[in-house]
């Protein structure tokens, strides 16, 4: 099946076969992402980066991906510098951008904004994170990181630790892990548990999901420990944030009981939940994870914007 010209708003917009296809293509893109080879697959294409929420890794890795493939970028990095400040609707802004670019990468603080943008645009829209909703391209690079270490996505025990209530990265990742047959172990502060609607939906899809309140026990059985920060900016009430801030921290002592091949992942930025000493351990995979954002996003952009394949 072809991704040419399609929106990617949720990881559920992609079939299992399409995800595997993107991951296989991303592996071939690594030399391009490292700069040792070049490709003109996006020559003449312009991608609009519409970032209405702060971003470092996602925006820069998308820009790098476009440029590594010979394309160009139009970037909005501050909503305050756009006509949204004058009262223009997001719908109208996206309609305008679709006149200037061949695709739109959108990050927005409001859940559902990417789906609205996809309706407004006659060009493909890639969701780079919408509030506490979805972050499908992050999920793709997370899967690439796991598969690079273990050679598979099936049969693994993946611990999702931290802010499971507001964390859009884990919301997307959980669905993909379920699709590939990994066991999902959730561990979080009481006020940040995975919402019931997500749990129920995962179970309806046949996912193996269970809760483990003890971080020590979770780490001992994990193949992957996926850590998230507590996102202060998502809390409607600051007192709710203060009640859970600093409630977990991964350090070398905790990891001493981990399996030798276990990896620690994090979508970054971290804010104290992983001690710097972990960086020097063989478990640390989060900087490799950040690098893989480039070849993964290159593969996705090439599939969406590159030459259409016959029979797709």
Protein backbone atom coordinates (compact mmCIF):
# COMPACT_ATOMS: atom_id res chain seq x y z
CA UNK A 1 0.00 0.00 0.00
CA UNK A 2 1.27 3.47 -0.87
CA UNK A 3 1.63 6.37 1.55
CA UNK A 4 2.00 8.80 -1.34
CA UNK A 5 -0.03 11.97 -0.70
CA UNK A 6 -1.52 10.69 2.57
CA UNK A 7 -1.96 12.38 5.95
CA UNK A 8 -0.37 10.82 9.02
CA UNK A 9 -2.29 12.17 12.00
CA UNK A 10 -2.30 9.07 14.20
CA UNK A 11 -0.17 5.95 14.25
CA UNK A 12 -3.45 4.15 13.59
CA UNK A 13 -3.49 5.77 10.14
CA UNK A 14 -0.75 3.29 9.22
CA UNK A 15 -1.15 -0.45 8.87
CA UNK A 16 1.34 -2.84 10.39
CA UNK A 17 2.78 -3.49 6.93
CA UNK A 18 3.14 0.24 6.26
CA UNK A 19 4.94 0.77 9.56
CA UNK A 20 7.37 -2.02 8.74
CA UNK A 21 7.89 -0.49 5.30
CA UNK A 22 8.80 2.89 6.83
CA UNK A 23 11.18 1.24 9.32
CA UNK A 24 12.88 -0.77 6.56
CA UNK A 25 13.29 2.39 4.46
CA UNK A 26 14.61 4.30 7.47
CA UNK A 27 17.35 1.73 7.99
CA UNK A 28 18.46 2.33 4.40
CA UNK A 29 18.35 6.10 5.02
CA UNK A 30 20.92 6.06 7.85
CA UNK A 31 23.92 6.80 5.55
CA UNK A 32 21.97 9.76 4.14
CA UNK A 33 21.15 11.01 7.64
CA UNK A 34 24.84 10.76 8.54
CA UNK A 35 25.77 12.80 5.46
CA UNK A 36 27.87 10.09 3.83
CA UNK A 37 25.44 9.83 0.88
CA UNK A 38 23.07 12.22 -0.83
CA UNK A 39 19.60 11.90 -2.34
CA UNK A 40 17.52 14.33 -4.41
CA UNK A 41 14.22 12.54 -3.77
CA UNK A 42 12.57 15.75 -2.46
CA UNK A 43 14.25 18.12 -4.91
CA UNK A 44 11.83 20.92 -5.76
CA UNK A 45 9.55 20.07 -2.81
CA UNK A 46 8.76 22.51 0.02
CA UNK A 47 7.60 21.37 3.45
CA UNK A 48 5.95 23.85 5.83
CA UNK A 49 6.97 23.41 9.47
CA UNK A 50 4.04 24.84 11.43
CA UNK A 51 5.18 24.65 15.06
CA UNK A 52 2.76 26.42 17.37
CA UNK A 53 4.32 24.81 20.44
CA UNK A 54 8.02 24.75 21.49
CA UNK A 55 10.15 22.02 19.95
CA UNK A 56 13.82 21.25 19.51
CA UNK A 57 14.31 17.65 18.36
CA UNK A 58 11.10 17.22 16.36
CA UNK A 59 11.36 20.44 14.38
CA UNK A 60 15.10 20.24 13.74
CA UNK A 61 15.02 16.56 12.80
CA UNK A 62 12.19 17.21 10.34
CA UNK A 63 14.09 20.16 8.84
CA UNK A 64 17.24 18.05 8.63
CA UNK A 65 15.28 15.23 6.98
CA UNK A 66 13.85 17.54 4.32
CA UNK A 67 17.20 19.12 3.54
CA UNK A 68 19.07 15.80 3.49
CA UNK A 69 16.63 14.76 0.76
CA UNK A 70 17.16 17.92 -1.28
CA UNK A 71 13.96 19.75 -0.31
CA UNK A 72 13.31 23.14 1.30
CA UNK A 73 11.45 24.29 4.41
CA UNK A 74 9.16 27.12 5.41
CA UNK A 75 9.21 27.35 9.19
CA UNK A 76 6.88 28.85 11.76
CA UNK A 77 8.58 28.49 15.13
CA UNK A 78 6.48 30.95 17.12
CA UNK A 79 2.72 31.32 16.90
CA UNK A 80 3.08 34.86 18.22
CA UNK A 81 4.67 35.89 14.93
CA UNK A 82 1.74 34.72 12.81
CA UNK A 83 -1.72 36.00 12.00
CA UNK A 84 -3.14 33.67 14.65
CA UNK A 85 -2.27 36.50 16.99
CA UNK A 86 -4.61 38.72 14.96
CA UNK A 87 -7.44 36.26 15.35
CA UNK A 88 -6.99 34.13 12.25
CA UNK A 89 -8.30 30.59 12.73
CA UNK A 90 -6.03 27.57 12.54
CA UNK A 91 -8.19 26.32 9.67
CA UNK A 92 -7.47 29.43 7.60
CA UNK A 93 -3.77 29.36 8.48
CA UNK A 94 -3.48 25.77 7.26
CA UNK A 95 -5.42 26.55 4.07
CA UNK A 96 -2.93 29.33 3.38
CA UNK A 97 0.11 27.12 4.09
CA UNK A 98 -1.19 24.42 1.77
CA UNK A 99 -0.99 26.99 -1.03
CA UNK A 100 2.71 27.57 -0.34
CA UNK A 101 4.03 24.07 0.40
CA UNK A 102 3.80 20.47 -0.75
CA UNK A 103 3.22 19.13 2.78
CA UNK A 104 2.65 20.49 6.28
CA UNK A 105 4.24 19.27 9.50
CA UNK A 106 2.13 20.53 12.39
CA UNK A 107 2.75 20.75 16.12
CA UNK A 108 -0.02 22.30 18.17
CA UNK A 109 -0.92 22.46 21.88
CA UNK A 110 -4.53 21.40 21.30
CA UNK A 111 -5.54 17.78 20.93
CA UNK A 112 -7.34 17.27 17.63
CA UNK A 113 -5.60 20.16 15.88
CA UNK A 114 -3.82 17.84 13.44
CA UNK A 115 -7.07 16.19 12.37
CA UNK A 116 -8.59 19.65 11.80
CA UNK A 117 -5.54 20.64 9.77
CA UNK A 118 -5.86 17.53 7.63
CA UNK A 119 -9.43 18.55 6.78
CA UNK A 120 -8.34 22.10 5.97
CA UNK A 121 -5.38 21.20 3.78
CA UNK A 122 -5.32 19.79 0.28
CA UNK A 123 -1.70 18.77 0.92
CA UNK A 124 -0.52 15.97 3.22
CA UNK A 125 -0.41 16.81 6.93
CA UNK A 126 2.02 15.05 9.28
CA UNK A 127 1.21 15.32 12.97
CA UNK A 128 4.27 16.37 14.99
CA UNK A 129 2.32 16.30 18.26
CA UNK A 130 -1.10 17.65 19.16
CA UNK A 131 -1.57 18.40 22.85
CA UNK A 132 -2.01 15.21 24.88
CA UNK A 133 -3.25 13.41 21.77
CA UNK A 134 -0.91 11.66 19.30
CA UNK A 135 2.69 11.84 18.08
CA UNK A 136 2.94 9.23 15.32
CA UNK A 137 6.36 10.11 13.93
CA UNK A 138 7.85 9.86 17.43
CA UNK A 139 6.34 6.39 17.64
CA UNK A 140 7.99 5.41 14.36
CA UNK A 141 11.43 6.42 15.60
CA UNK A 142 10.75 4.70 18.94
CA UNK A 143 9.95 1.49 17.09
CA UNK A 144 13.07 1.91 14.96
CA UNK A 145 15.18 2.20 18.12
CA UNK A 146 13.67 -0.93 19.67
CA UNK A 147 13.99 -2.96 16.48
CA UNK A 148 17.60 -1.87 15.97
CA UNK A 149 18.53 -3.28 19.40
CA UNK A 150 16.43 -6.45 19.44
CA UNK A 151 15.86 -7.20 15.76
CA UNK A 152 12.13 -7.54 16.41
CA UNK A 153 9.14 -5.76 17.92
CA UNK A 154 7.34 -8.94 18.97
CA UNK A 155 7.48 -10.72 22.30
CA UNK A 156 9.17 -7.90 24.20
CA UNK A 157 8.25 -6.52 27.62
CA UNK A 158 8.05 -2.74 27.38
CA UNK A 159 7.62 -0.66 30.51
CA UNK A 160 5.97 2.74 30.00
CA UNK A 161 6.98 4.86 32.98
CA UNK A 162 5.92 8.31 34.05
CA UNK A 163 3.27 10.67 32.73
CA UNK A 164 0.87 8.26 31.05
CA UNK A 165 -2.09 10.62 31.40
CA UNK A 166 -0.86 13.57 29.34
CA UNK A 167 2.04 11.91 27.50
CA UNK A 168 1.14 11.80 23.80
CA UNK A 169 4.28 9.80 23.00
CA UNK A 170 3.14 6.85 25.12
CA UNK A 171 -0.43 7.12 23.84
CA UNK A 172 0.84 6.57 20.29
CA UNK A 173 3.51 4.03 21.21
CA UNK A 174 1.15 1.81 23.20
CA UNK A 175 -1.06 1.24 20.15
CA UNK A 176 1.90 0.33 17.97
CA UNK A 177 3.37 -2.03 20.57
CA UNK A 178 0.00 -3.76 20.83
CA UNK A 179 -0.09 -4.15 17.05
CA UNK A 180 3.29 -5.90 17.08
CA UNK A 181 2.59 -8.17 20.05
CA UNK A 182 4.74 -6.65 22.76
CA UNK A 183 3.62 -6.85 26.39
CA UNK A 184 2.92 -3.40 27.82
CA UNK A 185 3.69 -2.80 31.49
CA UNK A 186 2.47 0.55 32.78
CA UNK A 187 3.96 2.27 35.81
CA UNK A 188 3.11 5.80 36.91
CA UNK A 189 2.29 8.05 39.85
CA UNK A 190 -1.33 7.61 40.92
CA UNK A 191 -2.45 10.91 39.38
CA UNK A 192 -0.82 10.17 36.02
CA UNK A 193 -2.19 6.73 35.20
CA UNK A 194 -3.04 5.78 31.64
CA UNK A 195 -6.61 6.98 31.00
CA UNK A 196 -9.24 4.24 31.16
CA UNK A 197 -10.37 4.85 27.58
CA UNK A 198 -6.86 4.09 26.33
CA UNK A 199 -6.59 0.94 28.45
CA UNK A 200 -9.99 -0.31 27.34
CA UNK A 201 -9.22 0.38 23.69
CA UNK A 202 -5.87 -1.42 23.93
CA UNK A 203 -7.48 -4.44 25.54
CA UNK A 204 -10.20 -4.54 22.88
CA UNK A 205 -7.39 -4.75 20.34
CA UNK A 206 -5.98 -7.78 22.13
CA UNK A 207 -3.06 -5.99 23.79
CA UNK A 208 -1.33 -7.49 26.80
CA UNK A 209 -1.46 -4.61 29.30
CA UNK A 210 -0.81 -4.75 33.01
CA UNK A 211 0.08 -2.32 35.76
CA UNK A 212 3.18 -2.53 37.95
CA UNK A 213 3.33 0.14 40.68
CA UNK A 214 6.86 -0.86 41.75
CA UNK A 215 9.52 0.69 39.52
CA UNK A 216 12.10 -1.78 40.87
CA UNK A 217 10.02 -4.80 39.82
CA UNK A 218 9.18 -3.21 36.48
CA UNK A 219 12.84 -2.62 35.68
CA UNK A 220 13.85 -6.18 36.56
CA UNK A 221 11.57 -7.68 33.91
CA UNK A 222 11.79 -4.98 31.23
CA UNK A 223 13.41 -5.35 27.83
CA UNK A 224 12.65 -1.67 27.20
CA UNK A 225 12.16 1.02 29.84
CA UNK A 226 10.44 3.97 28.18
CA UNK A 227 10.67 6.97 30.52
CA UNK A 228 8.70 10.18 30.10
CA UNK A 229 8.96 13.49 31.90
CA UNK A 230 6.10 14.93 33.89
CA UNK A 231 4.82 17.61 31.55
CA UNK A 232 4.12 20.69 33.64
CA UNK A 233 2.71 22.53 30.62
CA UNK A 234 -0.14 20.00 30.24
CA UNK A 235 -1.53 20.31 33.77
CA UNK A 236 -4.68 22.44 34.07
CA UNK A 237 -3.91 22.97 37.77
CA UNK A 238 -0.36 23.65 38.99
CA UNK A 239 -1.14 22.07 42.37
CA UNK A 240 -1.80 18.79 40.52
CA UNK A 241 1.67 19.06 38.98
CA UNK A 242 3.36 19.82 42.31
CA UNK A 243 1.75 16.72 43.83
CA UNK A 244 3.58 14.41 41.40
CA UNK A 245 6.74 16.37 40.48
CA UNK A 246 9.93 14.46 41.23
CA UNK A 247 8.09 11.23 42.10
CA UNK A 248 10.48 8.96 40.15
CA UNK A 249 14.12 9.02 39.03
CA UNK A 250 16.08 6.38 37.14
CA UNK A 251 19.68 6.05 38.30
CA UNK A 252 22.51 3.51 38.10
CA UNK A 253 21.42 1.81 41.33
CA UNK A 254 17.98 1.01 39.93
CA UNK A 255 19.49 -0.24 36.69
CA UNK A 256 21.89 -2.63 38.45
CA UNK A 257 19.07 -5.21 38.52
CA UNK A 258 18.14 -4.76 34.84
CA UNK A 259 18.64 -7.35 32.10
CA UNK A 260 22.00 -6.89 30.32
CA UNK A 261 20.35 -5.96 26.99
CA UNK A 262 17.62 -3.75 28.47
CA UNK A 263 17.49 -0.27 26.96
CA UNK A 264 16.33 2.98 28.52
CA UNK A 265 14.48 5.26 26.12
CA UNK A 266 13.13 8.78 26.51
CA UNK A 267 11.51 11.10 23.95
CA UNK A 268 13.41 14.03 25.52
CA UNK A 269 13.80 16.60 26.89
CA UNK A 270 14.45 15.07 30.26
CA UNK A 271 13.91 17.09 33.40
CA UNK A 272 15.54 15.10 36.19
CA UNK A 273 13.78 11.76 35.71
CA UNK A 274 16.95 10.11 34.31
CA UNK A 275 20.17 10.77 36.19
CA UNK A 276 23.12 11.89 34.01
CA UNK A 277 25.12 8.89 35.28
CA UNK A 278 22.83 6.63 33.22
CA UNK A 279 24.28 8.14 30.02
CA UNK A 280 27.49 6.16 30.48
CA UNK A 281 25.74 2.80 30.93
CA UNK A 282 25.10 0.34 28.09
CA UNK A 283 21.39 0.74 28.77
CA UNK A 284 21.17 4.36 27.58
CA UNK A 285 19.51 4.49 24.15
CA UNK A 286 17.86 7.92 24.17
CA UNK A 287 20.54 9.77 22.22
CA UNK A 288 20.57 7.07 19.54
CA UNK A 289 16.77 7.35 19.60
CA UNK A 290 17.07 11.10 18.95
CA UNK A 291 19.41 10.51 15.98
CA UNK A 292 17.09 7.93 14.43
CA UNK A 293 14.45 10.66 14.19
CA UNK A 294 16.22 11.91 11.06
CA UNK A 295 16.31 8.73 8.94
CA UNK A 296 12.80 7.75 10.10
CA UNK A 297 11.35 11.13 9.14
CA UNK A 298 13.32 11.03 5.89
CA UNK A 299 11.73 7.67 5.08
CA UNK A 300 8.24 8.95 5.88
CA UNK A 301 8.66 12.16 3.89
CA UNK A 302 10.03 10.22 0.92
CA UNK A 303 7.03 7.88 1.05
CA UNK A 304 4.51 10.72 1.29
CA UNK A 305 6.13 13.21 -1.09
CA UNK A 306 8.51 11.23 -3.28
CA UNK A 307 7.66 9.84 -6.70
CA UNK A 308 4.50 7.71 -6.61
CA UNK A 309 5.20 4.01 -7.03
CA UNK A 310 3.30 2.12 -9.69
CA UNK A 311 0.85 -0.35 -8.30
CA UNK A 312 0.78 1.39 -4.91
